């Protein structure tokens, strides 16, 4: 199916999981922030320490937005975007899958995760590059080629789930010189407490996985 629209509404920075095919034929699984930018928006400044987009504000709807993402450093996602020119962007509510994507080196035989509620096959085009804090960054435009909605769900707000997502951001910055390590560890302790108190079994498993992957 050829599409010109995303199957979900995107605003600001939307966290997603992206799979890209590596030279070994396996699909690398990584976290990717999607920045939805309408025609009347200017550039913003990213505050994320991992593969992400640059937040500049809300859009009037997914169909009116251009979507881009930023990769930091010579990651597998950067390499596979550059060499393959495509990937599968996925939207999952599973916190363990998100932690694995954000912090672990994970490869899969299939590009679509079992937990994906929706996915989009995208063509990627480099639009800009530069350096910040000694780290190379590259901006990519993501153009949807095909998409599918696997399941629909009534949205809920869970503080434990949100804490897991924020914990992955803090964890990804621990080795970055421009960030205060002690402050990040304090934040990780707080997010762990929230995930345990407010989350369900998957959120608690996810924050335990963060602790397994990152020492703080």
N, C-alpha and C. Protein backbone atom coordinates (compact mmCIF):
# COMPACT_ATOMS: atom_id res chain seq x y z
N UNK A 1 0.85 -1.20 0.00
CA UNK A 1 0.00 0.00 0.00
C UNK A 1 0.88 1.24 0.00
N UNK A 2 0.68 2.11 -0.94
CA UNK A 2 1.41 3.37 -1.00
C UNK A 2 0.63 4.43 -0.23
N UNK A 3 1.29 5.13 0.66
CA UNK A 3 0.62 6.14 1.46
C UNK A 3 1.39 7.44 1.40
N UNK A 4 0.71 8.53 1.71
CA UNK A 4 1.37 9.82 1.82
C UNK A 4 1.23 10.39 3.22
N UNK A 5 0.55 9.67 4.11
CA UNK A 5 0.31 10.14 5.46
C UNK A 5 0.79 9.11 6.47
N UNK A 6 1.07 9.59 7.66
CA UNK A 6 1.41 8.70 8.77
C UNK A 6 0.12 8.16 9.38
N UNK A 7 0.13 6.96 9.95
CA UNK A 7 -1.09 6.38 10.50
C UNK A 7 -1.44 6.89 11.89
N UNK A 8 -0.60 7.75 12.46
CA UNK A 8 -0.84 8.33 13.77
C UNK A 8 -0.57 9.83 13.70
N UNK A 9 -1.14 10.55 14.64
CA UNK A 9 -0.87 11.99 14.73
C UNK A 9 0.46 12.19 15.44
N UNK A 10 1.31 13.00 14.86
CA UNK A 10 2.61 13.29 15.45
C UNK A 10 2.66 14.76 15.85
N UNK A 11 3.19 15.02 17.02
CA UNK A 11 3.34 16.40 17.48
C UNK A 11 4.60 16.49 18.33
N UNK A 12 5.26 17.63 18.24
CA UNK A 12 6.50 17.77 19.01
C UNK A 12 7.46 16.65 18.67
N UNK A 13 7.96 15.98 19.69
CA UNK A 13 8.81 14.80 19.50
C UNK A 13 8.06 13.57 19.98
N UNK A 14 7.85 12.63 19.09
CA UNK A 14 7.17 11.38 19.42
C UNK A 14 8.21 10.26 19.45
N UNK A 15 8.28 9.56 20.57
CA UNK A 15 9.24 8.47 20.69
C UNK A 15 8.75 7.26 19.91
N UNK A 16 9.64 6.64 19.18
CA UNK A 16 9.29 5.46 18.39
C UNK A 16 10.45 4.47 18.45
N UNK A 17 10.22 3.33 17.83
CA UNK A 17 11.28 2.33 17.63
C UNK A 17 11.47 2.18 16.14
N UNK A 18 12.73 2.13 15.71
CA UNK A 18 13.02 1.98 14.29
C UNK A 18 13.86 0.73 14.08
N UNK A 19 13.53 -0.02 13.04
CA UNK A 19 14.37 -1.16 12.65
C UNK A 19 14.99 -0.85 11.29
N UNK A 20 16.29 -1.12 11.20
CA UNK A 20 17.03 -0.89 9.96
C UNK A 20 17.87 -2.12 9.65
N UNK A 21 17.96 -2.45 8.38
CA UNK A 21 18.67 -3.66 7.99
C UNK A 21 20.17 -3.42 7.95
N UNK A 22 20.92 -4.27 8.66
CA UNK A 22 22.36 -4.15 8.69
C UNK A 22 23.03 -4.99 7.63
N UNK A 23 24.35 -4.92 7.54
CA UNK A 23 25.09 -5.67 6.52
C UNK A 23 24.99 -7.18 6.69
N UNK A 24 24.59 -7.65 7.88
CA UNK A 24 24.45 -9.08 8.12
C UNK A 24 23.05 -9.60 7.81
N UNK A 25 22.18 -8.70 7.29
CA UNK A 25 20.82 -9.11 6.96
C UNK A 25 19.87 -9.10 8.13
N UNK A 26 20.38 -8.78 9.34
CA UNK A 26 19.54 -8.69 10.52
C UNK A 26 19.01 -7.26 10.66
N UNK A 27 17.91 -7.14 11.41
CA UNK A 27 17.28 -5.84 11.61
C UNK A 27 17.68 -5.27 12.97
N UNK A 28 18.42 -4.18 12.95
CA UNK A 28 18.81 -3.51 14.18
C UNK A 28 17.62 -2.75 14.74
N UNK A 29 17.41 -2.88 16.05
CA UNK A 29 16.28 -2.25 16.73
C UNK A 29 16.81 -1.10 17.58
N UNK A 30 16.28 0.09 17.38
CA UNK A 30 16.77 1.27 18.11
C UNK A 30 15.62 2.23 18.38
N UNK A 31 15.82 3.07 19.37
CA UNK A 31 14.85 4.14 19.64
C UNK A 31 15.11 5.31 18.70
N UNK A 32 14.03 5.97 18.30
CA UNK A 32 14.16 7.11 17.40
C UNK A 32 13.08 8.13 17.71
N UNK A 33 13.50 9.37 17.97
CA UNK A 33 12.55 10.45 18.20
C UNK A 33 12.12 11.05 16.87
N UNK A 34 10.83 11.16 16.67
CA UNK A 34 10.28 11.71 15.42
C UNK A 34 9.86 13.15 15.66
N UNK A 35 10.39 14.05 14.85
CA UNK A 35 10.04 15.46 14.96
C UNK A 35 9.09 15.83 13.84
N UNK A 36 7.88 16.18 14.21
CA UNK A 36 6.88 16.61 13.23
C UNK A 36 6.97 18.11 13.08
N UNK A 37 7.21 18.56 11.86
CA UNK A 37 7.40 19.98 11.60
C UNK A 37 6.47 20.42 10.49
N UNK A 38 5.59 21.36 10.78
CA UNK A 38 4.72 21.91 9.77
C UNK A 38 5.47 22.94 8.96
N UNK A 39 4.89 23.37 7.85
CA UNK A 39 5.59 24.27 6.94
C UNK A 39 5.94 25.61 7.56
N UNK A 40 5.16 26.04 8.57
CA UNK A 40 5.39 27.36 9.13
C UNK A 40 6.28 27.32 10.37
N UNK A 41 6.88 26.16 10.66
CA UNK A 41 7.76 26.06 11.82
C UNK A 41 9.21 26.26 11.43
N UNK A 42 9.95 26.86 12.32
CA UNK A 42 11.38 27.00 12.12
C UNK A 42 12.11 25.88 12.84
N UNK A 43 13.43 25.92 12.79
CA UNK A 43 14.22 24.90 13.44
C UNK A 43 14.22 25.11 14.94
N UNK A 44 14.28 24.01 15.67
CA UNK A 44 14.41 24.05 17.11
C UNK A 44 15.72 23.45 17.53
N UNK A 45 15.91 23.30 18.80
CA UNK A 45 17.16 22.75 19.31
C UNK A 45 16.85 21.49 20.09
N UNK A 46 17.50 20.40 19.73
CA UNK A 46 17.26 19.12 20.37
C UNK A 46 17.87 19.08 21.76
N UNK A 47 17.17 18.43 22.70
CA UNK A 47 17.75 18.24 24.03
C UNK A 47 17.95 16.77 24.33
N UNK A 48 17.91 15.93 23.33
CA UNK A 48 18.06 14.51 23.56
C UNK A 48 19.48 14.06 23.27
N UNK A 49 19.93 13.04 24.01
CA UNK A 49 21.27 12.54 23.83
C UNK A 49 21.33 11.28 23.00
N UNK A 50 20.25 10.90 22.36
CA UNK A 50 20.27 9.72 21.51
C UNK A 50 19.60 10.06 20.19
N UNK A 51 19.36 9.06 19.34
CA UNK A 51 18.73 9.30 18.05
C UNK A 51 17.38 9.95 18.27
N UNK A 52 17.19 11.18 17.77
CA UNK A 52 15.96 11.89 18.05
C UNK A 52 15.72 13.00 17.05
N UNK A 53 14.54 13.58 17.11
CA UNK A 53 14.23 14.76 16.31
C UNK A 53 14.40 16.00 17.15
N UNK A 54 14.16 17.16 16.55
CA UNK A 54 14.30 18.42 17.25
C UNK A 54 12.92 19.00 17.52
N UNK A 55 12.51 19.13 18.80
CA UNK A 55 11.19 19.63 19.09
C UNK A 55 11.07 21.12 18.81
N UNK A 56 10.01 21.51 18.11
CA UNK A 56 9.78 22.94 17.91
C UNK A 56 8.33 23.32 18.17
N UNK A 57 7.45 22.35 18.46
CA UNK A 57 6.07 22.70 18.75
C UNK A 57 5.11 21.76 18.09
N UNK A 58 3.81 21.95 18.38
CA UNK A 58 2.77 21.07 17.86
C UNK A 58 2.49 21.35 16.40
N UNK A 59 1.85 20.37 15.74
CA UNK A 59 1.43 20.53 14.37
C UNK A 59 -0.07 20.50 14.31
N UNK A 60 -0.63 20.86 13.19
CA UNK A 60 -2.08 20.85 13.02
C UNK A 60 -2.61 19.49 12.63
N UNK A 61 -1.74 18.52 12.47
CA UNK A 61 -2.17 17.18 12.08
C UNK A 61 -1.05 16.48 11.36
N UNK A 62 -1.06 15.13 11.44
CA UNK A 62 0.04 14.37 10.86
C UNK A 62 0.13 14.57 9.37
N UNK A 63 -1.05 14.72 8.70
CA UNK A 63 -1.00 14.82 7.25
C UNK A 63 -0.40 16.13 6.77
N UNK A 64 -0.29 17.14 7.65
CA UNK A 64 0.26 18.42 7.27
C UNK A 64 1.72 18.57 7.70
N UNK A 65 2.25 17.55 8.34
CA UNK A 65 3.58 17.67 8.92
C UNK A 65 4.62 16.97 8.08
N UNK A 66 5.81 17.55 8.06
CA UNK A 66 6.98 16.87 7.55
C UNK A 66 7.66 16.24 8.77
N UNK A 67 8.16 15.05 8.61
CA UNK A 67 8.73 14.33 9.74
C UNK A 67 10.21 14.13 9.52
N UNK A 68 10.99 14.43 10.52
CA UNK A 68 12.42 14.20 10.44
C UNK A 68 12.94 13.68 11.76
N UNK A 69 14.13 13.15 11.73
CA UNK A 69 14.77 12.61 12.92
C UNK A 69 16.24 12.95 12.87
N UNK A 70 16.87 12.91 14.02
CA UNK A 70 18.29 13.21 14.11
C UNK A 70 19.00 12.02 14.74
N UNK A 71 20.07 11.57 14.11
CA UNK A 71 20.93 10.55 14.71
C UNK A 71 22.18 11.22 15.26
N UNK A 72 22.63 10.69 16.39
CA UNK A 72 23.82 11.23 17.05
C UNK A 72 24.93 10.19 17.00
N UNK A 73 26.07 10.55 16.45
CA UNK A 73 27.20 9.64 16.39
C UNK A 73 27.06 8.62 15.27
N UNK A 74 28.06 7.78 15.19
CA UNK A 74 28.08 6.76 14.14
C UNK A 74 27.38 5.49 14.65
N UNK A 75 26.09 5.61 14.84
CA UNK A 75 25.30 4.49 15.34
C UNK A 75 24.94 3.53 14.21
N UNK A 76 24.41 2.39 14.59
CA UNK A 76 23.94 1.44 13.58
C UNK A 76 22.80 2.04 12.76
N UNK A 77 21.94 2.81 13.41
CA UNK A 77 20.85 3.45 12.68
C UNK A 77 21.41 4.41 11.64
N UNK A 78 22.39 5.22 12.03
CA UNK A 78 23.03 6.15 11.09
C UNK A 78 23.63 5.39 9.91
N UNK A 79 24.36 4.32 10.21
CA UNK A 79 25.00 3.54 9.14
C UNK A 79 23.96 2.94 8.20
N UNK A 80 22.93 2.34 8.77
CA UNK A 80 21.94 1.67 7.93
C UNK A 80 21.07 2.66 7.17
N UNK A 81 20.76 3.80 7.77
CA UNK A 81 20.07 4.85 7.01
C UNK A 81 20.90 5.27 5.81
N UNK A 82 22.19 5.47 6.05
CA UNK A 82 23.06 5.95 4.98
C UNK A 82 23.21 4.91 3.88
N UNK A 83 23.33 3.64 4.25
CA UNK A 83 23.60 2.60 3.27
C UNK A 83 22.34 2.03 2.63
N UNK A 84 21.23 2.01 3.37
CA UNK A 84 19.99 1.39 2.87
C UNK A 84 18.96 2.42 2.42
N UNK A 85 18.97 3.58 3.08
CA UNK A 85 18.02 4.63 2.71
C UNK A 85 16.59 4.37 3.12
N UNK A 86 16.39 3.46 4.09
CA UNK A 86 15.03 3.17 4.52
C UNK A 86 15.05 2.51 5.89
N UNK A 87 13.87 2.36 6.47
CA UNK A 87 13.71 1.68 7.74
C UNK A 87 12.23 1.52 8.06
N UNK A 88 11.95 0.86 9.16
CA UNK A 88 10.57 0.67 9.61
C UNK A 88 10.40 1.37 10.96
N UNK A 89 9.60 2.43 10.97
CA UNK A 89 9.29 3.14 12.19
C UNK A 89 8.08 2.47 12.83
N UNK A 90 8.16 2.22 14.15
CA UNK A 90 7.10 1.49 14.82
C UNK A 90 6.68 2.18 16.10
N UNK A 91 5.42 2.02 16.41
CA UNK A 91 4.85 2.62 17.62
C UNK A 91 4.42 1.48 18.54
N UNK A 92 5.10 1.37 19.68
CA UNK A 92 4.82 0.30 20.63
C UNK A 92 4.60 0.86 22.01
N UNK A 93 3.68 0.24 22.74
CA UNK A 93 3.43 0.63 24.12
C UNK A 93 4.18 -0.26 25.10
N UNK A 94 4.91 -1.25 24.59
CA UNK A 94 5.60 -2.18 25.47
C UNK A 94 6.89 -1.54 26.01
N UNK A 95 6.98 -1.29 27.33
CA UNK A 95 8.15 -0.58 27.86
C UNK A 95 9.43 -1.40 27.79
N UNK A 96 9.33 -2.72 27.87
CA UNK A 96 10.54 -3.55 27.79
C UNK A 96 11.13 -3.46 26.39
N UNK A 97 10.29 -3.56 25.36
CA UNK A 97 10.78 -3.42 23.99
C UNK A 97 11.42 -2.05 23.78
N UNK A 98 10.84 -1.02 24.39
CA UNK A 98 11.40 0.32 24.22
C UNK A 98 12.77 0.44 24.89
N UNK A 99 12.90 -0.12 26.09
CA UNK A 99 14.19 -0.09 26.78
C UNK A 99 15.25 -0.83 25.97
N UNK A 100 14.89 -2.00 25.46
CA UNK A 100 15.84 -2.77 24.65
C UNK A 100 16.27 -1.95 23.43
N UNK A 101 15.32 -1.27 22.81
CA UNK A 101 15.64 -0.46 21.62
C UNK A 101 16.54 0.71 21.98
N UNK A 102 16.28 1.34 23.11
CA UNK A 102 17.01 2.55 23.48
C UNK A 102 18.41 2.29 24.01
N UNK A 103 18.59 1.17 24.73
CA UNK A 103 19.83 1.00 25.47
C UNK A 103 20.63 -0.26 25.12
N UNK A 104 19.99 -1.26 24.53
CA UNK A 104 20.69 -2.51 24.24
C UNK A 104 21.03 -2.59 22.76
N UNK A 105 21.95 -3.47 22.42
CA UNK A 105 22.20 -3.81 21.03
C UNK A 105 21.32 -5.01 20.71
N UNK A 106 20.29 -4.78 19.95
CA UNK A 106 19.30 -5.82 19.67
C UNK A 106 19.12 -5.97 18.18
N UNK A 107 19.10 -7.20 17.72
CA UNK A 107 18.85 -7.49 16.31
C UNK A 107 17.71 -8.49 16.21
N UNK A 108 16.96 -8.41 15.13
CA UNK A 108 15.80 -9.27 14.94
C UNK A 108 15.80 -9.83 13.53
N UNK A 109 15.14 -10.97 13.36
CA UNK A 109 15.01 -11.58 12.04
C UNK A 109 13.97 -10.86 11.19
N UNK A 110 12.98 -10.26 11.85
CA UNK A 110 11.87 -9.62 11.16
C UNK A 110 11.87 -8.13 11.47
N UNK A 111 11.54 -7.28 10.51
CA UNK A 111 11.58 -5.84 10.78
C UNK A 111 10.46 -5.32 11.67
N UNK A 112 9.36 -6.08 11.81
CA UNK A 112 8.21 -5.60 12.58
C UNK A 112 8.17 -6.31 13.93
N UNK A 113 8.17 -5.54 15.01
CA UNK A 113 8.08 -6.11 16.35
C UNK A 113 6.68 -6.66 16.61
N UNK A 114 6.59 -7.72 17.39
CA UNK A 114 5.29 -8.26 17.75
C UNK A 114 4.44 -7.26 18.52
N UNK A 115 5.11 -6.36 19.25
CA UNK A 115 4.39 -5.40 20.09
C UNK A 115 3.97 -4.13 19.35
N UNK A 116 4.33 -4.01 18.08
CA UNK A 116 4.03 -2.78 17.33
C UNK A 116 2.53 -2.63 17.13
N UNK A 117 1.97 -1.52 17.59
CA UNK A 117 0.56 -1.21 17.34
C UNK A 117 0.36 -0.69 15.93
N UNK A 118 1.38 -0.03 15.40
CA UNK A 118 1.36 0.46 14.02
C UNK A 118 2.80 0.59 13.55
N UNK A 119 2.99 0.52 12.24
CA UNK A 119 4.33 0.66 11.69
C UNK A 119 4.27 1.41 10.37
N UNK A 120 5.39 2.01 10.02
CA UNK A 120 5.51 2.77 8.77
C UNK A 120 6.85 2.43 8.13
N UNK A 121 6.84 2.00 6.91
CA UNK A 121 8.08 1.84 6.17
C UNK A 121 8.42 3.19 5.56
N UNK A 122 9.60 3.69 5.86
CA UNK A 122 9.96 5.04 5.44
C UNK A 122 11.19 5.03 4.55
N UNK A 123 11.21 5.95 3.59
CA UNK A 123 12.42 6.30 2.86
C UNK A 123 13.08 7.44 3.61
N UNK A 124 14.40 7.39 3.76
CA UNK A 124 15.10 8.42 4.52
C UNK A 124 16.08 9.16 3.62
N UNK A 125 16.13 10.47 3.81
CA UNK A 125 17.02 11.32 3.03
C UNK A 125 17.75 12.26 3.97
N UNK A 126 19.07 12.30 3.89
CA UNK A 126 19.83 13.22 4.72
C UNK A 126 19.56 14.65 4.29
N UNK A 127 19.28 15.53 5.27
CA UNK A 127 19.00 16.92 4.97
C UNK A 127 20.01 17.89 5.56
N UNK A 128 20.74 17.45 6.59
CA UNK A 128 21.68 18.36 7.24
C UNK A 128 22.63 17.52 8.11
N UNK A 129 23.72 18.11 8.51
CA UNK A 129 24.64 17.45 9.43
C UNK A 129 25.47 18.51 10.13
N UNK A 130 26.09 18.11 11.21
CA UNK A 130 26.92 19.04 11.97
C UNK A 130 27.53 18.36 13.16
N UNK A 131 27.98 19.16 14.13
CA UNK A 131 28.62 18.63 15.32
C UNK A 131 28.19 19.46 16.51
N UNK A 132 27.95 18.78 17.63
CA UNK A 132 27.57 19.47 18.86
C UNK A 132 28.21 18.74 20.03
N UNK A 133 28.97 19.46 20.86
CA UNK A 133 29.62 18.84 22.00
C UNK A 133 30.58 17.75 21.62
N UNK A 134 31.18 17.86 20.45
CA UNK A 134 32.12 16.86 20.00
C UNK A 134 31.49 15.63 19.39
N UNK A 135 30.16 15.64 19.20
CA UNK A 135 29.46 14.49 18.63
C UNK A 135 28.83 14.87 17.30
N UNK A 136 29.04 14.04 16.30
CA UNK A 136 28.44 14.25 14.98
C UNK A 136 26.94 14.01 15.04
N UNK A 137 26.17 14.86 14.35
CA UNK A 137 24.74 14.60 14.21
C UNK A 137 24.35 14.72 12.75
N UNK A 138 23.30 14.00 12.38
CA UNK A 138 22.76 14.03 11.02
C UNK A 138 21.25 14.11 11.11
N UNK A 139 20.67 15.01 10.33
CA UNK A 139 19.21 15.12 10.23
C UNK A 139 18.73 14.35 9.00
N UNK A 140 17.60 13.67 9.14
CA UNK A 140 17.03 12.86 8.08
C UNK A 140 15.56 13.22 7.88
N UNK A 141 15.13 13.30 6.64
CA UNK A 141 13.71 13.42 6.33
C UNK A 141 13.14 12.03 6.16
N UNK A 142 11.99 11.78 6.78
CA UNK A 142 11.36 10.47 6.72
C UNK A 142 10.08 10.58 5.89
N UNK A 143 10.04 9.87 4.78
CA UNK A 143 8.87 9.88 3.90
C UNK A 143 8.21 8.51 3.93
N UNK A 144 6.95 8.43 4.36
CA UNK A 144 6.27 7.13 4.46
C UNK A 144 6.01 6.52 3.09
N UNK A 145 6.32 5.22 2.97
CA UNK A 145 6.08 4.49 1.74
C UNK A 145 4.88 3.55 1.87
N UNK A 146 4.78 2.87 3.00
CA UNK A 146 3.64 2.01 3.29
C UNK A 146 3.47 1.94 4.79
N UNK A 147 2.28 1.58 5.24
CA UNK A 147 2.01 1.57 6.67
C UNK A 147 0.88 0.62 7.00
N UNK A 148 0.80 0.26 8.27
CA UNK A 148 -0.29 -0.60 8.72
C UNK A 148 -0.55 -0.33 10.19
N UNK A 149 -1.82 -0.43 10.57
CA UNK A 149 -2.23 -0.37 11.97
C UNK A 149 -2.56 -1.80 12.39
N UNK A 150 -1.82 -2.32 13.34
CA UNK A 150 -2.00 -3.70 13.77
C UNK A 150 -3.08 -3.85 14.83
N UNK A 151 -3.21 -2.86 15.69
CA UNK A 151 -4.23 -2.91 16.73
C UNK A 151 -4.54 -1.49 17.20
N UNK A 152 -5.73 -1.31 17.66
CA UNK A 152 -6.16 -0.01 18.19
C UNK A 152 -6.45 -0.16 19.67
N UNK A 153 -6.14 0.90 20.44
CA UNK A 153 -6.32 0.85 21.88
C UNK A 153 -6.74 2.22 22.39
N UNK A 154 -7.52 2.22 23.47
CA UNK A 154 -7.88 3.47 24.12
C UNK A 154 -6.66 3.96 24.89
N UNK A 155 -6.20 5.19 24.65
CA UNK A 155 -5.00 5.67 25.32
C UNK A 155 -5.20 5.85 26.82
N UNK A 156 -4.21 5.50 27.59
CA UNK A 156 -4.20 5.70 29.03
C UNK A 156 -2.91 6.42 29.42
N UNK A 157 -2.93 7.03 30.57
CA UNK A 157 -1.75 7.73 31.08
C UNK A 157 -1.23 6.98 32.30
N UNK A 158 0.00 6.50 32.22
CA UNK A 158 0.59 5.76 33.32
C UNK A 158 1.95 6.38 33.64
N UNK A 159 2.11 6.86 34.86
CA UNK A 159 3.35 7.51 35.26
C UNK A 159 4.54 6.55 35.22
N UNK A 160 4.29 5.29 35.50
CA UNK A 160 5.37 4.32 35.46
C UNK A 160 5.94 4.17 34.07
N UNK A 161 5.07 4.14 33.06
CA UNK A 161 5.52 4.03 31.68
C UNK A 161 6.31 5.26 31.28
N UNK A 162 5.80 6.44 31.64
CA UNK A 162 6.51 7.67 31.31
C UNK A 162 7.87 7.71 32.00
N UNK A 163 7.95 7.20 33.23
CA UNK A 163 9.22 7.20 33.95
C UNK A 163 10.24 6.30 33.26
N UNK A 164 9.78 5.17 32.71
CA UNK A 164 10.70 4.28 32.00
C UNK A 164 11.29 4.99 30.78
N UNK A 165 10.44 5.69 30.02
CA UNK A 165 10.92 6.41 28.84
C UNK A 165 11.95 7.46 29.25
N UNK A 166 11.65 8.24 30.28
CA UNK A 166 12.58 9.27 30.73
C UNK A 166 13.87 8.66 31.27
N UNK A 167 13.76 7.49 31.88
CA UNK A 167 14.96 6.82 32.38
C UNK A 167 15.90 6.45 31.24
N UNK A 168 15.36 6.04 30.10
CA UNK A 168 16.23 5.70 28.98
C UNK A 168 16.96 6.93 28.46
N UNK A 169 16.31 8.08 28.49
CA UNK A 169 16.98 9.31 28.05
C UNK A 169 18.13 9.64 29.00
N UNK A 170 17.85 9.61 30.30
CA UNK A 170 18.91 9.90 31.28
C UNK A 170 20.05 8.90 31.16
N UNK A 171 19.72 7.63 30.99
CA UNK A 171 20.75 6.59 30.90
C UNK A 171 21.63 6.78 29.68
N UNK A 172 21.05 7.23 28.58
CA UNK A 172 21.82 7.40 27.36
C UNK A 172 22.81 8.55 27.45
N UNK A 173 22.66 9.42 28.45
CA UNK A 173 23.53 10.58 28.60
C UNK A 173 24.64 10.40 29.62
N UNK A 174 24.69 9.24 30.27
CA UNK A 174 25.64 9.04 31.36
C UNK A 174 27.09 9.19 30.92
N UNK A 175 27.40 8.81 29.71
CA UNK A 175 28.78 8.87 29.23
C UNK A 175 29.06 10.11 28.38
N UNK A 176 28.15 11.06 28.39
CA UNK A 176 28.32 12.28 27.61
C UNK A 176 28.91 13.37 28.51
N UNK A 177 30.05 13.90 28.11
CA UNK A 177 30.79 14.83 28.97
C UNK A 177 30.01 16.09 29.31
N UNK A 178 29.14 16.52 28.42
CA UNK A 178 28.43 17.78 28.65
C UNK A 178 27.29 17.66 29.67
N UNK A 179 27.05 16.46 30.20
CA UNK A 179 25.99 16.27 31.19
C UNK A 179 26.59 15.93 32.55
N UNK A 180 25.89 16.33 33.60
CA UNK A 180 26.31 16.10 34.98
C UNK A 180 25.92 14.67 35.38
N UNK A 181 26.92 13.81 35.56
CA UNK A 181 26.66 12.40 35.86
C UNK A 181 25.92 12.23 37.18
N UNK A 182 26.31 12.98 38.20
CA UNK A 182 25.64 12.85 39.50
C UNK A 182 24.16 13.22 39.40
N UNK A 183 23.88 14.27 38.66
CA UNK A 183 22.49 14.69 38.48
C UNK A 183 21.70 13.63 37.71
N UNK A 184 22.33 13.04 36.71
CA UNK A 184 21.65 11.99 35.95
C UNK A 184 21.35 10.78 36.83
N UNK A 185 22.26 10.42 37.71
CA UNK A 185 22.03 9.30 38.60
C UNK A 185 20.89 9.58 39.56
N UNK A 186 20.80 10.81 40.03
CA UNK A 186 19.67 11.19 40.88
C UNK A 186 18.36 11.04 40.13
N UNK A 187 18.34 11.46 38.86
CA UNK A 187 17.14 11.33 38.05
C UNK A 187 16.79 9.86 37.84
N UNK A 188 17.79 9.04 37.60
CA UNK A 188 17.53 7.61 37.39
C UNK A 188 16.95 6.98 38.65
N UNK A 189 17.44 7.35 39.81
CA UNK A 189 16.88 6.84 41.07
C UNK A 189 15.41 7.24 41.20
N UNK A 190 15.12 8.48 40.84
CA UNK A 190 13.73 8.95 40.92
C UNK A 190 12.83 8.21 39.94
N UNK A 191 13.28 8.07 38.69
CA UNK A 191 12.48 7.37 37.70
C UNK A 191 12.26 5.91 38.08
N UNK A 192 13.27 5.29 38.66
CA UNK A 192 13.12 3.91 39.11
C UNK A 192 12.03 3.82 40.17
N UNK A 193 12.03 4.74 41.12
CA UNK A 193 11.02 4.74 42.17
C UNK A 193 9.62 4.92 41.60
N UNK A 194 9.46 5.84 40.64
CA UNK A 194 8.15 6.07 40.04
C UNK A 194 7.69 4.84 39.25
N UNK A 195 8.60 4.23 38.50
CA UNK A 195 8.23 3.06 37.70
C UNK A 195 7.78 1.91 38.59
N UNK A 196 8.44 1.72 39.71
CA UNK A 196 8.07 0.63 40.62
C UNK A 196 6.74 0.93 41.31
N UNK A 197 6.55 2.17 41.76
CA UNK A 197 5.33 2.53 42.49
C UNK A 197 4.10 2.64 41.60
N UNK A 198 4.29 3.20 40.40
CA UNK A 198 3.14 3.54 39.56
C UNK A 198 2.96 2.61 38.36
N UNK A 199 3.96 1.83 38.02
CA UNK A 199 3.87 0.98 36.85
C UNK A 199 3.28 -0.38 37.16
N UNK A 200 2.99 -1.11 36.09
CA UNK A 200 2.55 -2.49 36.20
C UNK A 200 3.72 -3.44 36.05
N UNK A 201 3.45 -4.72 35.85
CA UNK A 201 4.54 -5.70 35.73
C UNK A 201 5.52 -5.40 34.60
N UNK A 202 5.04 -4.92 33.44
CA UNK A 202 5.95 -4.65 32.33
C UNK A 202 6.81 -3.43 32.60
N UNK A 203 6.25 -2.42 33.26
CA UNK A 203 7.06 -1.24 33.61
C UNK A 203 8.13 -1.61 34.63
N UNK A 204 7.76 -2.43 35.61
CA UNK A 204 8.76 -2.84 36.59
C UNK A 204 9.85 -3.70 35.95
N UNK A 205 9.45 -4.57 35.02
CA UNK A 205 10.44 -5.37 34.30
C UNK A 205 11.34 -4.47 33.45
N UNK A 206 10.74 -3.43 32.87
CA UNK A 206 11.51 -2.53 32.01
C UNK A 206 12.55 -1.75 32.80
N UNK A 207 12.16 -1.24 33.97
CA UNK A 207 13.13 -0.45 34.75
C UNK A 207 14.22 -1.37 35.31
N UNK A 208 13.89 -2.63 35.58
CA UNK A 208 14.92 -3.58 35.98
C UNK A 208 15.90 -3.83 34.83
N UNK A 209 15.37 -3.82 33.60
CA UNK A 209 16.23 -4.01 32.44
C UNK A 209 17.15 -2.81 32.25
N UNK A 210 16.65 -1.62 32.53
CA UNK A 210 17.52 -0.43 32.49
C UNK A 210 18.68 -0.61 33.45
N UNK A 211 18.37 -1.07 34.66
CA UNK A 211 19.41 -1.26 35.67
C UNK A 211 20.41 -2.34 35.22
N UNK A 212 19.93 -3.34 34.52
CA UNK A 212 20.83 -4.39 34.01
C UNK A 212 21.79 -3.85 32.96
N UNK A 213 21.28 -2.94 32.13
CA UNK A 213 22.06 -2.45 30.99
C UNK A 213 22.97 -1.28 31.34
N UNK A 214 22.60 -0.53 32.38
CA UNK A 214 23.34 0.69 32.72
C UNK A 214 23.63 0.69 34.22
N UNK A 215 24.87 0.94 34.58
CA UNK A 215 25.24 1.06 35.97
C UNK A 215 25.13 2.52 36.39
N UNK A 216 24.39 2.75 37.48
CA UNK A 216 24.34 4.12 37.99
C UNK A 216 24.34 4.14 39.52
